[in-house]
Amino acid sequence: MYDGAVDARRREHFLRSIGLGLAVLGLGTIGYMVIEGEGFLNSFYMTAITVTTVGFREAFPLSPAGQAFTVLLAFGGIGVILLIATEAARAILDTDISRIIGLRRDLSMIKKMNGHIVVCGYGRMGRAVVDVLRDRGIAFAVVELKLERCRELEEARLPVVRGDATHEDILRDAGVEHAKTLIACLADDAHNVYSVLIARQLNPAITIIARAVEDGAEKRLELAGADRVLNPYRAGGTRLALTALKPAVTDFVEASLMGSSMELELAEVKVHPSSDLVGKTLAGAGVRQRFGIIVVALKHGDTNIFNPGPNERIEAGDVLVALGPINALEGIEKATQ
């Protein structure tokens, strides 16, 4: 991790030491010009070889006063050089140590995560994914290869693993083995396929969502093990068309999915075996009356039932797609545990 205040203070100390060094050169040059009556160039040359202790012969004969001044200037120059070297070394070492400690802290924190989301790639698509997850308070870890992007995530204090998402050890570091979901949004389909294959091998139960870059890549990603594949260009084109044809519907769906002042959301809720809703119909469970929500769809295994009737039975493992206020959705989530 990076601390902006520490960086600024370290930079200030280093610049101050450089300024002190320039001041010594200036004072030495002026001193020789005054004491020995020499010109600027000879005085500056004499100051430079004295401060740096290079051992060249004197540029001009020194008077007793000039000799005394030279001794003082030599000791002062050595001190300034040591100060500049110390500040430079401290800046380099502190940065490296802070980075190493920060990365180790990130890895330690990621290893403790369970049921989180792993985002592979922090390009334009990955950045948008991270923004949504961060706004929603969802636990996630990012896998990114480029150093500058990793530093950006570190500065934002977001968990990141630097490395190639097509390598097994990197995905292990990101906690894929105990993650809930992996989102593969790397720059090309080949890398996405490799990351999907490895993630599926490490965690057969993980849900994998992949980005397809080229047309026709959807099938390859599904064969590799992706549960869902999205083509952002096709999805973007569809959204533009629907916005033109049905702007009110698009605005409503976008507001319910992404959150807005309506405080209305679409959510999917999984019914656990311990829930008191198991075995009851939608009417018998009083879902609408108890929680004030509308069940838009009911998913039985691989079967999706849209606009389910009141006599539709709720079973363990079903997923309810519900529409309602945020607090009402929190209520149904607790009841399905």
Protein backbone atom coordinates (compact mmCIF):
# COMPACT_ATOMS: atom_id res chain seq x y z
CA MET A 1 0.00 0.00 0.00
CA TYR A 2 1.04 3.60 -0.53
CA ASP A 3 0.62 6.45 1.94
CA GLY A 4 0.48 9.83 0.20
CA ALA A 5 1.49 11.80 3.32
CA VAL A 6 4.57 9.62 3.87
CA ASP A 7 5.56 9.96 0.21
CA ALA A 8 5.25 13.75 0.36
CA ARG A 9 7.31 13.98 3.54
CA ARG A 10 10.01 11.70 2.11
CA ARG A 11 10.15 13.78 -1.07
CA GLU A 12 10.38 16.97 0.98
CA HIS A 13 13.37 15.65 2.97
CA PHE A 14 15.18 14.54 -0.18
CA LEU A 15 14.63 17.87 -1.94
CA ARG A 16 15.75 19.72 1.19
CA SER A 17 19.02 17.76 1.23
CA ILE A 18 19.57 18.57 -2.47
CA GLY A 19 18.93 22.22 -1.72
CA LEU A 20 21.46 22.10 1.12
CA GLY A 21 24.05 20.63 -1.28
CA LEU A 22 23.46 23.43 -3.79
CA ALA A 23 23.75 25.95 -0.98
CA VAL A 24 27.17 24.54 0.01
CA LEU A 25 28.38 24.82 -3.61
CA GLY A 26 27.14 28.39 -3.79
CA LEU A 27 28.69 29.43 -0.46
CA GLY A 28 31.99 27.75 -1.34
CA THR A 29 32.16 29.53 -4.69
CA ILE A 30 31.40 32.91 -3.12
CA GLY A 31 33.89 32.21 -0.30
CA TYR A 32 36.80 31.59 -2.68
CA MET A 33 35.87 34.61 -4.75
CA VAL A 34 35.93 36.83 -1.65
CA ILE A 35 38.91 35.29 0.20
CA GLU A 36 41.21 34.59 -2.73
CA GLY A 37 39.88 37.14 -5.23
CA GLU A 38 39.46 34.49 -7.93
CA GLY A 39 36.91 34.44 -10.74
CA PHE A 40 33.66 32.48 -10.70
CA LEU A 41 34.83 29.50 -12.76
CA ASN A 42 38.02 28.87 -10.74
CA SER A 43 36.14 29.34 -7.48
CA PHE A 44 33.36 26.96 -8.50
CA TYR A 45 35.90 24.37 -9.72
CA MET A 46 37.83 24.59 -6.42
CA THR A 47 34.55 24.21 -4.47
CA ALA A 48 33.49 21.18 -6.52
CA ILE A 49 36.75 19.26 -6.07
CA THR A 50 36.84 20.13 -2.37
CA VAL A 51 33.24 19.09 -1.64
CA THR A 52 33.50 15.87 -3.64
CA THR A 53 37.01 15.10 -2.27
CA VAL A 54 38.22 13.90 -5.68
CA GLY A 55 41.83 14.81 -4.85
CA PHE A 56 42.70 16.94 -7.89
CA ARG A 57 45.37 19.62 -7.47
CA GLU A 58 44.35 23.07 -6.33
CA ALA A 59 43.16 25.45 -9.04
CA PHE A 60 45.12 28.32 -7.49
CA PRO A 61 47.50 28.91 -4.55
CA LEU A 62 45.69 29.25 -1.22
CA SER A 63 46.33 31.81 1.46
CA PRO A 64 46.18 30.72 5.14
CA ALA A 65 42.58 31.97 5.27
CA GLY A 66 41.80 30.06 2.09
CA GLN A 67 43.31 26.87 3.53
CA ALA A 68 41.19 27.17 6.67
CA PHE A 69 38.09 27.79 4.55
CA THR A 70 38.93 24.74 2.42
CA VAL A 71 39.11 22.49 5.49
CA LEU A 72 35.71 23.68 6.70
CA LEU A 73 34.25 23.34 3.21
CA ALA A 74 35.59 19.77 2.88
CA PHE A 75 33.98 18.63 6.14
CA GLY A 76 30.75 20.39 5.25
CA GLY A 77 30.75 18.84 1.78
CA ILE A 78 31.27 15.33 3.12
CA GLY A 79 28.36 15.80 5.52
CA VAL A 80 26.06 17.04 2.77
CA ILE A 81 26.99 14.17 0.42
CA LEU A 82 26.31 11.65 3.19
CA LEU A 83 22.96 13.32 3.90
CA ILE A 84 21.90 13.20 0.23
CA ALA A 85 22.98 9.55 -0.09
CA THR A 86 21.12 8.65 3.11
CA GLU A 87 17.89 10.33 2.00
CA ALA A 88 18.09 8.71 -1.44
CA ALA A 89 18.69 5.26 0.03
CA ARG A 90 15.92 5.73 2.56
CA ALA A 91 13.46 6.76 -0.15
CA ILE A 92 14.29 3.69 -2.25
CA LEU A 93 14.32 1.23 0.66
CA ASP A 94 11.20 2.64 2.30
CA THR A 95 9.29 2.42 -0.97
CA ASP A 96 10.38 -1.16 -1.62
CA ILE A 97 9.76 -2.27 1.96
CA SER A 98 6.37 -0.57 2.08
CA ARG A 99 5.42 -2.21 -1.20
CA ILE A 100 6.56 -5.65 -0.04
CA ILE A 101 4.73 -5.31 3.28
CA GLY A 102 1.63 -4.05 1.49
CA LEU A 103 1.63 -6.94 -0.97
CA ARG A 104 2.12 -9.47 1.81
CA ARG A 105 -0.72 -7.88 3.76
CA ASP A 106 -2.93 -8.09 0.67
CA LEU A 107 -2.12 -11.77 0.14
CA SER A 108 -2.73 -12.53 3.81
CA MET A 109 -6.09 -10.75 3.66
CA ILE A 110 -7.09 -12.53 0.44
CA LYS A 111 -6.23 -15.93 1.91
CA LYS A 112 -8.71 -15.26 4.70
CA MET A 113 -11.51 -14.46 2.22
CA ASN A 114 -14.24 -16.98 1.62
CA GLY A 115 -17.08 -16.75 -0.87
CA HIS A 116 -15.57 -13.68 -2.54
CA ILE A 117 -15.35 -12.71 -6.21
CA VAL A 118 -12.13 -12.94 -8.21
CA VAL A 119 -11.84 -10.41 -11.04
CA CYS A 120 -9.25 -11.34 -13.67
CA GLY A 121 -8.07 -8.22 -15.47
CA TYR A 122 -8.28 -4.54 -14.59
CA GLY A 123 -8.77 -3.00 -18.01
CA ARG A 124 -11.83 -0.96 -18.94
CA MET A 125 -14.19 -3.87 -18.33
CA GLY A 126 -12.50 -5.00 -15.11
CA ARG A 127 -12.46 -1.44 -13.80
CA ALA A 128 -16.24 -1.17 -14.31
CA VAL A 129 -16.75 -4.50 -12.52
CA VAL A 130 -14.59 -3.40 -9.58
CA ASP A 131 -16.47 -0.10 -9.29
CA VAL A 132 -19.80 -1.90 -8.93
CA LEU A 133 -18.46 -4.46 -6.44
CA ARG A 134 -16.82 -1.74 -4.34
CA ASP A 135 -19.99 0.37 -4.31
CA ARG A 136 -22.02 -2.67 -3.21
CA GLY A 137 -19.55 -3.63 -0.48
CA ILE A 138 -18.87 -7.06 -2.01
CA ALA A 139 -15.62 -8.83 -1.09
CA PHE A 140 -13.38 -9.26 -4.13
CA ALA A 141 -9.77 -9.66 -5.25
CA VAL A 142 -8.27 -8.50 -8.55
CA VAL A 143 -5.68 -10.36 -10.60
CA GLU A 144 -3.70 -8.00 -12.83
CA LEU A 145 -0.38 -8.32 -14.66
CA LYS A 146 0.49 -4.71 -15.44
CA LEU A 147 2.47 -2.97 -12.70
CA GLU A 148 0.91 0.48 -13.08
CA ARG A 149 -2.60 -0.93 -12.70
CA CYS A 150 -1.56 -2.88 -9.62
CA ARG A 151 -0.15 0.28 -8.10
CA GLU A 152 -3.41 2.07 -8.83
CA LEU A 153 -5.33 -0.63 -6.96
CA GLU A 154 -2.85 -0.56 -4.08
CA GLU A 155 -3.18 3.21 -3.77
CA ALA A 156 -6.97 2.74 -3.58
CA ARG A 157 -6.36 0.08 -0.87
CA LEU A 158 -8.04 -2.64 -2.91
CA PRO A 159 -6.84 -6.28 -2.75
CA VAL A 160 -4.77 -7.19 -5.78
CA VAL A 161 -2.54 -10.07 -6.84
CA ARG A 162 0.02 -9.14 -9.45
CA GLY A 163 0.54 -11.86 -12.03
CA ASP A 164 -0.81 -13.71 -15.03
CA ALA A 165 -4.36 -14.97 -14.48
CA THR A 166 -3.60 -17.96 -16.71
CA HIS A 167 -1.16 -19.35 -14.12
CA GLU A 168 -2.42 -21.73 -11.46
CA ASP A 169 -0.31 -20.33 -8.61
CA ILE A 170 -1.56 -16.79 -9.26
CA LEU A 171 -5.20 -17.89 -9.13
CA ARG A 172 -4.44 -19.80 -5.93
CA ASP A 173 -3.03 -16.60 -4.44
CA ALA A 174 -6.28 -14.86 -5.37
CA GLY A 175 -8.23 -17.49 -3.41
CA VAL A 176 -10.04 -19.11 -6.35
CA GLU A 177 -10.27 -22.39 -4.45
CA HIS A 178 -12.66 -20.87 -1.90
CA ALA A 179 -14.16 -18.08 -4.03
CA LYS A 180 -17.83 -17.90 -4.98
CA THR A 181 -17.43 -16.38 -8.43
CA LEU A 182 -14.73 -15.69 -11.00
CA ILE A 183 -15.15 -12.95 -13.59
CA ALA A 184 -12.75 -13.36 -16.52
CA CYS A 185 -12.41 -10.05 -18.36
CA LEU A 186 -8.91 -10.30 -19.79
CA ALA A 187 -7.92 -8.60 -23.03
CA ASP A 188 -8.34 -11.59 -25.37
CA ASP A 189 -10.36 -14.79 -25.58
CA ALA A 190 -7.36 -17.14 -25.42
CA HIS A 191 -6.30 -15.85 -22.02
CA ASN A 192 -9.90 -15.92 -20.79
CA VAL A 193 -10.20 -19.56 -21.87
CA TYR A 194 -7.04 -20.52 -19.96
CA SER A 195 -8.12 -18.71 -16.80
CA VAL A 196 -11.57 -20.35 -16.99
CA LEU A 197 -10.05 -23.83 -17.45
CA ILE A 198 -7.70 -23.43 -14.46
CA ALA A 199 -10.37 -21.89 -12.22
CA ARG A 200 -12.77 -24.72 -13.00
CA GLN A 201 -10.07 -27.26 -12.22
CA LEU A 202 -9.19 -25.61 -8.89
CA ASN A 203 -12.80 -25.10 -7.82
CA PRO A 204 -15.44 -27.18 -9.62
CA ALA A 205 -18.24 -25.44 -7.70
CA ILE A 206 -17.24 -21.88 -8.60
CA THR A 207 -19.52 -19.78 -10.79
CA ILE A 208 -17.57 -18.45 -13.77
CA ILE A 209 -18.62 -15.45 -15.83
CA ALA A 210 -16.45 -14.69 -18.86
CA ARG A 211 -16.14 -11.87 -21.32
CA ALA A 212 -16.10 -12.76 -25.02
CA VAL A 213 -14.03 -10.41 -27.14
CA GLU A 214 -14.63 -11.86 -30.60
CA ASP A 215 -17.79 -13.21 -32.18
CA GLY A 216 -17.95 -16.98 -31.89
CA ALA A 217 -15.81 -17.12 -28.75
CA GLU A 218 -18.84 -17.75 -26.54
CA LYS A 219 -18.93 -21.46 -27.38
CA ARG A 220 -15.23 -21.95 -26.62
CA LEU A 221 -15.56 -20.25 -23.26
CA GLU A 222 -18.59 -22.36 -22.37
CA LEU A 223 -16.71 -25.53 -23.32
CA ALA A 224 -13.82 -24.37 -21.12
CA GLY A 225 -16.19 -24.23 -18.16
CA ALA A 226 -17.77 -20.78 -18.07
CA ASP A 227 -21.30 -20.74 -16.69
CA ARG A 228 -22.17 -17.52 -18.46
CA VAL A 229 -20.51 -15.66 -21.31
CA LEU A 230 -21.17 -12.04 -22.19
CA ASN A 231 -20.17 -10.19 -25.32
CA PRO A 232 -20.00 -6.54 -24.20
CA TYR A 233 -20.26 -5.17 -27.72
CA ARG A 234 -23.38 -7.16 -28.50
CA ALA A 235 -24.86 -6.36 -25.09
CA GLY A 236 -24.06 -2.68 -25.58
CA GLY A 237 -25.67 -2.65 -29.01
CA THR A 238 -28.79 -4.37 -27.69
CA ARG A 239 -29.03 -1.86 -24.86
CA LEU A 240 -28.72 1.08 -27.26
CA ALA A 241 -31.47 -0.34 -29.46
CA LEU A 242 -33.79 -1.01 -26.52
CA THR A 243 -33.14 2.46 -25.15
CA ALA A 244 -34.28 3.88 -28.48
CA LEU A 245 -37.33 1.61 -28.70
CA LYS A 246 -38.37 1.41 -25.03
CA PRO A 247 -36.64 4.15 -23.05
CA ALA A 248 -38.96 3.99 -20.02
CA VAL A 249 -38.50 0.23 -19.63
CA THR A 250 -34.73 0.54 -20.01
CA ASP A 251 -34.58 3.32 -17.41
CA PHE A 252 -36.62 1.23 -14.97
CA VAL A 253 -34.51 -1.90 -15.41
CA GLU A 254 -31.27 0.08 -15.13
CA ALA A 255 -32.46 1.83 -11.98
CA SER A 256 -33.54 -1.43 -10.36
CA LEU A 257 -30.30 -3.21 -11.23
CA MET A 258 -27.78 -0.46 -10.53
CA GLY A 259 -29.50 1.33 -7.67
CA SER A 260 -31.05 4.81 -7.71
CA SER A 261 -33.15 7.20 -5.72
CA MET A 262 -36.10 4.83 -6.28
CA GLU A 263 -34.60 2.54 -3.61
CA LEU A 264 -35.92 -0.35 -5.67
CA GLU A 265 -33.84 -3.29 -6.73
CA LEU A 266 -33.94 -6.60 -8.53
CA ALA A 267 -32.27 -9.33 -6.51
CA GLU A 268 -31.84 -13.09 -6.68
CA VAL A 269 -32.28 -14.99 -3.45
CA LYS A 270 -31.31 -18.64 -2.97
CA VAL A 271 -33.57 -20.75 -0.77
CA HIS A 272 -31.59 -22.84 1.71
CA PRO A 273 -32.87 -26.18 3.07
CA SER A 274 -33.28 -24.70 6.58
CA SER A 275 -35.65 -21.97 5.39
CA ASP A 276 -39.28 -22.08 6.56
CA LEU A 277 -40.33 -21.29 2.97
CA VAL A 278 -39.30 -24.75 1.74
CA GLY A 279 -42.28 -26.87 0.69
CA LYS A 280 -44.72 -23.97 0.63
CA THR A 281 -46.34 -22.31 -2.34
CA LEU A 282 -45.78 -18.65 -3.04
CA ALA A 283 -49.30 -17.93 -1.78
CA GLY A 284 -48.91 -20.22 1.24
CA ALA A 285 -45.61 -18.59 2.21
CA GLY A 286 -47.22 -15.15 1.91
CA VAL A 287 -44.15 -13.81 0.17
CA ARG A 288 -45.86 -10.69 -1.13
CA GLN A 289 -47.80 -10.00 2.05
CA ARG A 290 -44.91 -10.79 4.45
CA PHE A 291 -42.11 -9.01 2.67
CA GLY A 292 -43.76 -6.58 0.26
CA ILE A 293 -41.91 -7.87 -2.80
CA ILE A 294 -42.85 -9.23 -6.21
CA VAL A 295 -41.40 -12.57 -7.35
CA VAL A 296 -40.58 -11.94 -10.99
CA ALA A 297 -39.14 -15.40 -11.68
CA LEU A 298 -38.48 -18.71 -9.94
CA LYS A 299 -35.58 -20.93 -10.92
CA HIS A 300 -35.95 -24.70 -10.31
CA GLY A 301 -32.56 -26.19 -11.23
CA ASP A 302 -32.13 -25.43 -14.93
CA THR A 303 -35.77 -24.42 -15.37
CA ASN A 304 -36.73 -20.76 -15.23
CA ILE A 305 -40.37 -19.92 -14.50
CA PHE A 306 -41.19 -16.31 -15.29
CA ASN A 307 -44.09 -14.64 -13.52
CA PRO A 308 -44.78 -17.75 -11.37
CA GLY A 309 -48.33 -18.32 -10.20
CA PRO A 310 -49.41 -18.33 -6.53
CA ASN A 311 -49.51 -22.14 -6.46
CA GLU A 312 -45.88 -22.54 -7.54
CA ARG A 313 -44.04 -24.51 -4.85
CA ILE A 314 -40.75 -23.35 -3.34
CA GLU A 315 -38.10 -26.03 -2.91
CA ALA A 316 -34.64 -26.04 -1.34
CA GLY A 317 -32.05 -24.79 -3.79
CA ASP A 318 -34.52 -22.67 -5.75
CA VAL A 319 -33.61 -19.13 -6.66
CA LEU A 320 -36.18 -16.36 -6.37
CA VAL A 321 -35.77 -13.32 -8.59
CA ALA A 322 -37.53 -10.62 -6.60
CA LEU A 323 -38.32 -6.95 -7.13
CA GLY A 324 -38.89 -4.64 -4.21
CA PRO A 325 -37.48 -2.05 -1.81
CA ILE A 326 -34.00 -2.73 -0.47
CA ASN A 327 -35.12 -3.34 3.12
CA ALA A 328 -37.81 -5.78 1.92
CA LEU A 329 -35.25 -7.72 -0.09
CA GLU A 330 -33.04 -7.94 3.00
CA GLY A 331 -36.01 -9.45 4.81
CA ILE A 332 -36.59 -12.18 2.24
CA GLU A 333 -32.85 -12.97 2.20
CA LYS A 334 -32.93 -13.61 5.95
CA ALA A 335 -36.05 -15.77 5.62
CA THR A 336 -34.47 -17.98 2.98
CA GLN A 337 -31.38 -18.80 5.08
